[in-house]
Protein backbone atom coordinates (compact mmCIF):
# COMPACT_ATOMS: atom_id res chain seq x y z
CA MET A 1 -20.86 21.62 -1.23
CA PHE A 2 -20.19 18.14 0.22
CA ASP A 3 -16.45 18.56 0.79
CA TYR A 4 -17.11 18.49 4.55
CA ILE A 5 -17.38 14.69 4.30
CA PHE A 6 -13.61 14.36 3.86
CA GLU A 7 -10.76 14.50 6.33
CA ASP A 8 -7.10 15.21 5.58
CA GLU A 9 -5.79 16.12 2.15
CA ALA A 10 -7.05 14.93 -1.21
CA ASP A 11 -5.60 11.75 -2.68
CA PHE A 12 -5.03 13.30 -6.11
CA GLU A 13 -4.09 16.62 -7.63
CA ASP A 14 -6.60 18.68 -9.58
CA PHE A 15 -7.70 17.22 -12.90
CA SER A 16 -8.24 18.99 -16.20
CA LEU A 17 -11.17 18.70 -18.58
CA ASP A 18 -8.91 16.60 -20.80
CA ASP A 19 -8.15 14.29 -17.86
CA LEU A 20 -11.86 13.91 -17.16
CA GLU A 21 -12.64 13.08 -20.78
CA LYS A 22 -9.88 10.43 -20.85
CA VAL A 23 -11.21 8.77 -17.67
CA GLU A 24 -14.78 8.75 -18.96
CA LYS A 25 -13.60 7.30 -22.29
CA LEU A 26 -11.61 4.61 -20.45
CA LEU A 27 -14.67 3.64 -18.40
CA GLY A 28 -17.17 4.15 -21.21
CA VAL A 29 -19.51 6.28 -19.07
CA LYS A 30 -20.52 9.84 -18.26
CA LEU A 31 -19.83 10.49 -14.60
CA PRO A 32 -22.45 12.14 -12.35
CA GLU A 33 -22.19 15.92 -12.27
CA SER A 34 -22.38 15.85 -8.46
CA TYR A 35 -19.38 13.49 -8.36
CA ILE A 36 -17.35 15.62 -10.76
CA ASN A 37 -18.11 18.81 -8.84
CA LEU A 38 -17.11 17.21 -5.55
CA MET A 39 -13.84 15.92 -6.99
CA LYS A 40 -13.05 19.40 -8.31
CA ILE A 41 -13.02 20.54 -4.68
CA HIS A 42 -11.46 17.46 -3.08
CA ASN A 43 -10.23 14.82 -5.50
CA GLY A 44 -10.71 11.64 -3.49
CA GLY A 45 -9.63 10.79 0.02
CA THR A 46 -10.46 9.44 3.45
CA LEU A 47 -13.96 10.13 4.74
CA ALA A 48 -14.78 11.84 8.03
CA TYR A 49 -18.48 11.18 7.35
CA SER A 50 -18.03 7.47 6.80
CA ILE A 51 -21.18 5.77 8.12
CA LEU A 52 -23.83 4.61 5.70
CA ARG A 53 -27.11 3.39 7.15
CA SER A 54 -29.35 1.31 4.94
CA GLY A 55 -31.59 -1.70 5.22
CA ARG A 56 -29.71 -3.14 2.25
CA VAL A 57 -26.31 -3.43 3.91
CA PRO A 58 -25.11 -5.92 6.57
CA ASP A 59 -26.52 -5.13 10.02
CA GLY A 60 -28.09 -1.96 8.62
CA GLU A 61 -24.87 0.02 8.85
CA VAL A 62 -21.46 -0.04 7.13
CA GLU A 63 -18.37 2.13 7.14
CA ILE A 64 -17.25 3.57 3.81
CA THR A 65 -13.61 4.43 4.44
CA ASP A 66 -12.90 6.60 1.41
CA LEU A 67 -14.03 7.82 -1.98
CA ARG A 68 -11.89 7.29 -5.06
CA GLY A 69 -10.91 10.36 -7.02
CA ILE A 70 -10.60 11.08 -10.73
CA ASP A 71 -7.30 9.74 -12.02
CA LEU A 72 -6.49 7.77 -15.14
CA GLU A 73 -4.24 5.15 -13.52
CA GLU A 74 -5.45 5.16 -9.92
CA GLY A 75 -8.75 6.19 -8.26
CA ILE A 76 -11.73 5.27 -10.43
CA GLY A 77 -9.23 4.71 -13.24
CA GLU A 78 -8.49 1.32 -11.64
CA THR A 79 -12.09 0.19 -12.18
CA ASN A 80 -11.53 -2.04 -15.22
CA TYR A 81 -8.69 -3.87 -13.49
CA LEU A 82 -10.66 -4.30 -10.24
CA VAL A 83 -13.80 -5.53 -12.00
CA GLU A 84 -11.79 -8.19 -13.83
CA GLU A 85 -9.58 -9.11 -10.88
CA TRP A 86 -12.51 -9.55 -8.47
CA ASP A 87 -14.86 -11.09 -11.04
CA MET A 88 -17.48 -8.35 -10.79
CA GLU A 89 -20.09 -7.49 -13.39
CA LYS A 90 -19.16 -5.10 -16.16
CA GLY A 91 -20.93 -1.76 -16.00
CA LEU A 92 -19.84 -0.95 -12.43
CA VAL A 93 -17.56 2.00 -11.70
CA ILE A 94 -15.79 1.43 -8.39
CA ILE A 95 -15.81 4.51 -6.16
CA SER A 96 -14.76 2.83 -2.89
CA GLY A 97 -13.73 -0.50 -1.43
CA ASP A 98 -10.73 -2.72 -0.74
CA GLY A 99 -11.94 -6.25 -1.33
CA ASN A 100 -13.97 -6.56 1.87
CA TYR A 101 -16.69 -4.49 0.21
CA TRP A 102 -17.16 -2.44 -2.94
CA LEU A 103 -19.21 0.67 -3.58
CA ALA A 104 -19.97 1.44 -7.20
CA LEU A 105 -21.86 3.59 -9.65
CA ASP A 106 -24.14 1.13 -11.43
CA TYR A 107 -24.23 1.66 -15.19
CA ARG A 108 -25.39 -1.87 -16.01
CA LYS A 109 -28.89 -0.68 -16.87
CA HIS A 110 -28.43 3.09 -16.57
CA LYS A 111 -26.64 4.74 -19.47
CA ASP A 112 -27.09 8.37 -18.43
CA ASN A 113 -24.91 10.30 -15.98
CA GLU A 114 -27.13 9.69 -12.94
CA PRO A 115 -26.72 5.99 -12.13
CA PRO A 116 -27.67 4.57 -8.73
CA VAL A 117 -25.05 3.70 -6.12
CA VAL A 118 -24.75 0.03 -5.17
CA TYR A 119 -23.04 -1.82 -2.34
CA ILE A 120 -21.33 -5.15 -2.99
CA GLU A 121 -20.50 -7.44 -0.10
CA GLU A 122 -17.51 -9.59 -0.89
CA ASP A 123 -17.36 -13.35 -0.30
CA THR A 124 -21.14 -13.77 -0.58
CA ASP A 125 -23.49 -14.74 -3.37
CA GLU A 126 -25.46 -11.54 -2.86
CA LYS A 127 -26.00 -9.34 -5.89
CA PRO A 128 -25.10 -5.63 -5.77
CA LYS A 129 -27.67 -3.81 -3.65
CA GLN A 130 -28.83 -0.29 -4.40
CA VAL A 131 -28.21 2.06 -1.46
CA ALA A 132 -29.02 5.38 -3.18
CA LYS A 133 -30.82 6.39 -6.37
CA THR A 134 -28.09 8.90 -7.25
CA PHE A 135 -24.60 9.80 -6.12
CA GLU A 136 -25.82 13.05 -4.57
CA LEU A 137 -28.43 11.21 -2.51
CA PHE A 138 -25.69 8.82 -1.39
CA LEU A 139 -23.63 11.78 -0.13
CA LYS A 140 -26.60 13.07 1.84
CA LYS A 141 -26.89 9.71 3.61
CA LEU A 142 -23.34 9.72 4.96
CA GLU A 143 -23.03 10.33 8.70
CA LYS A 144 -20.18 11.05 11.05
CA PRO A 145 -19.30 8.15 13.39
CA GLU A 146 -20.54 8.59 16.92
CA GLU A 147 -17.78 9.04 19.48
CA ASP A 148 -17.96 6.90 22.57
CA ASP A 149 -18.45 9.17 25.56
CA PHE A 150 -16.65 7.41 28.38
CA ASP A 151 -15.48 8.91 31.64
CA ILE A 152 -11.97 7.55 31.86
CA GLU A 153 -9.84 7.93 34.94
CA TYR A 154 -6.10 7.98 34.48
CA ASP A 155 -3.53 7.32 37.12
CA ASP A 156 0.04 8.53 37.27
CA ASP A 157 1.27 5.31 35.70
CA ASP A 158 -0.87 5.60 32.58
CA GLU A 159 1.08 4.29 29.59
CA ASP A 160 0.26 7.39 27.53
CA ASP A 161 2.66 9.33 29.77
CA ILE A 162 5.61 7.07 28.98
CA ILE A 163 8.46 8.73 27.12
CA TYR A 164 10.43 6.24 25.05
CA THR A 165 14.10 6.45 24.18
CA LYS A 166 15.52 5.83 20.70
CA GLU A 167 17.19 2.71 22.05
CA GLU A 168 13.88 1.36 23.34
CA PHE A 169 12.21 2.03 19.99
CA GLU A 170 15.00 0.19 18.15
CA HIS A 171 14.73 -2.72 20.60
CA PHE A 172 10.94 -3.06 20.14
CA VAL A 173 11.31 -3.10 16.35
CA LYS A 174 14.19 -5.57 16.52
CA GLU A 175 12.14 -7.95 18.67
CA GLY A 176 8.98 -7.34 16.66
CA GLU A 177 6.64 -8.47 19.43
CA SER A 178 4.75 -5.57 21.05
CA TYR A 179 2.21 -3.82 18.83
CA VAL A 180 1.35 -1.29 21.55
CA GLU A 181 4.95 -0.32 22.30
CA ILE A 182 5.89 -0.01 18.64
CA ALA A 183 2.76 1.97 17.77
CA ASN A 184 3.34 4.33 20.72
CA CYS A 185 6.95 4.86 19.65
CA PHE A 186 5.98 5.70 16.09
CA GLU A 187 3.43 8.20 17.40
CA GLN A 188 5.92 9.82 19.81
CA PHE A 189 8.78 10.18 17.34
CA SER A 190 6.54 11.34 14.47
CA GLN A 191 5.82 14.61 16.26
CA THR A 192 9.26 16.13 15.75
CA ASP A 193 11.45 16.94 12.75
CA LYS A 194 14.47 15.25 14.35
CA ASP A 195 16.01 11.91 13.27
CA PHE A 196 14.05 11.68 10.03
CA ASP A 197 16.23 9.06 8.30
CA TRP A 198 16.37 6.95 11.44
CA PHE A 199 12.56 7.07 11.75
CA VAL A 200 11.96 6.05 8.12
CA THR A 201 14.50 3.23 8.41
CA LEU A 202 12.53 1.79 11.33
CA ALA A 203 9.33 2.23 9.34
CA ILE A 204 10.82 0.17 6.49
CA LYS A 205 11.67 -2.62 8.93
CA THR A 206 8.27 -2.55 10.63
CA ILE A 207 6.17 -2.64 7.47
CA LYS A 208 7.62 -6.11 6.87
CA PHE A 209 6.02 -7.53 10.05
CA LYS A 210 3.33 -9.72 8.49
CA GLU A 211 2.18 -11.24 11.77
CA MET A 212 1.62 -7.93 13.59
CA GLU A 213 -1.91 -7.27 12.35
CA GLY A 214 -2.66 -3.61 11.69
CA ILE A 215 0.74 -2.10 12.53
CA TRP A 216 1.08 -1.16 8.86
CA TYR A 217 -1.67 1.47 9.17
CA ARG A 218 0.10 3.09 12.13
CA VAL A 219 3.39 3.12 10.24
CA GLY A 220 1.69 4.79 7.27
CA GLU A 221 -0.15 7.42 9.30
CA GLU A 222 2.82 8.32 11.48
CA THR A 223 5.20 8.49 8.51
CA LEU A 224 2.86 11.01 6.86
CA ASN A 225 2.75 12.94 10.15
CA LYS A 226 6.55 12.87 10.31
CA MET A 227 6.76 14.24 6.77
CA ASN A 228 4.32 17.03 7.65
CA CYS A 229 6.45 17.97 10.67
CA THR A 230 9.74 17.91 8.77
CA PRO A 231 10.92 20.44 6.16
CA LYS A 232 11.28 18.82 2.74
CA GLU A 233 14.97 19.61 2.57
CA LYS A 234 15.47 17.19 5.48
CA TRP A 235 13.69 14.33 3.72
CA SER A 236 15.70 11.38 2.45
CA ILE A 237 14.01 10.77 -0.89
CA THR A 238 15.82 7.46 -1.33
CA LEU A 239 14.53 6.07 1.98
CA LEU A 240 11.02 7.43 1.42
CA ASP A 241 10.96 5.90 -2.04
CA GLU A 242 12.01 2.56 -0.57
CA LEU A 243 9.28 2.76 2.08
CA ALA A 244 6.67 3.73 -0.53
CA ASP A 245 7.66 0.68 -2.61
CA GLU A 246 7.18 -1.53 0.47
CA PHE A 247 3.64 -0.16 0.87
CA LEU A 248 2.86 -0.50 -2.84
CA GLY A 249 3.99 -4.12 -2.90
CA PHE A 250 2.41 -5.01 0.42
CA VAL A 251 0.70 -8.37 0.93
CA ASP A 252 -0.40 -9.75 4.28
CA ARG A 253 0.54 -13.10 5.81
CA TYR A 254 -2.13 -14.76 3.68
CA ASN A 255 -0.50 -13.27 0.57
CA PHE A 256 -3.42 -10.89 -0.04
CA ALA A 257 -2.94 -7.28 -1.11
CA ASN A 258 -4.55 -4.63 1.10
CA GLY A 259 -5.76 -1.53 -0.71
CA GLU A 260 -5.81 0.59 2.43
CA VAL A 261 -2.14 -0.21 3.13
CA ILE A 262 -1.11 0.26 -0.50
CA LYS A 263 -2.70 3.70 -0.43
CA TYR A 264 0.02 4.96 1.93
CA GLY A 265 2.64 4.13 -0.68
CA LYS A 266 0.74 6.18 -3.24
CA LYS A 267 0.48 9.13 -0.85
CA ILE A 268 4.21 9.06 -0.06
CA LYS A 269 5.07 8.86 -3.78
CA ARG A 270 2.94 11.92 -4.50
CA LYS A 271 4.58 13.88 -1.69
CA ILE A 272 8.13 13.18 -2.87
CA LYS A 273 7.51 13.94 -6.55
């Protein structure tokens, strides 16, 4: 089907018919069959086919980072909270977005199970704009981002060849100044099953850097990579639980929550259950 649009693992475990009925009752809608069938295969997650082109979105092209899965408390189950928190119109079921934009199934005037898909640009007075007549047509519009094809020449001193020591990694985190050095260290040390507790401890410290814009994503990705490289019996559940709580309670330097950062906490929690 359309499961090729995703990358990595699903955000949520498989759902039962009872789970589906509870979510639909909570939202007061009947979900599109194409959406349900897709979530049966891959229940929410990050998109590999993430580009949506439309004359009704800013600059004719936007990136849709993920699709929310079927879950009573998270995924589309968060819709009622998000609609109220962000002062959106009732009748929208949020299937993607983090506050910078929202993508929703629009049930405001459509009461059947084939509502249109609308895009909502945050911080504007624009009304929701229809980008597809149905969810299935929306899926067909998604494209894979084009990769820049550059001929890059590397010399012997290229920074990608640098091998960092544990002491250097600790120093960079202690100083909290170099995004590049810290990000490179997390990537290097995530590719082995050694020093797991030490790695997670540094991750806990780094996630608290509010001024280092974007480092939180690298910490999240590399922690998940570290977990994939390390047998579960070597995991420190206490440290991972502490790190997950840091992600779940994350707010940036402007005291705003970031859904994409919070998502890493949810993924870690699911892995350690």
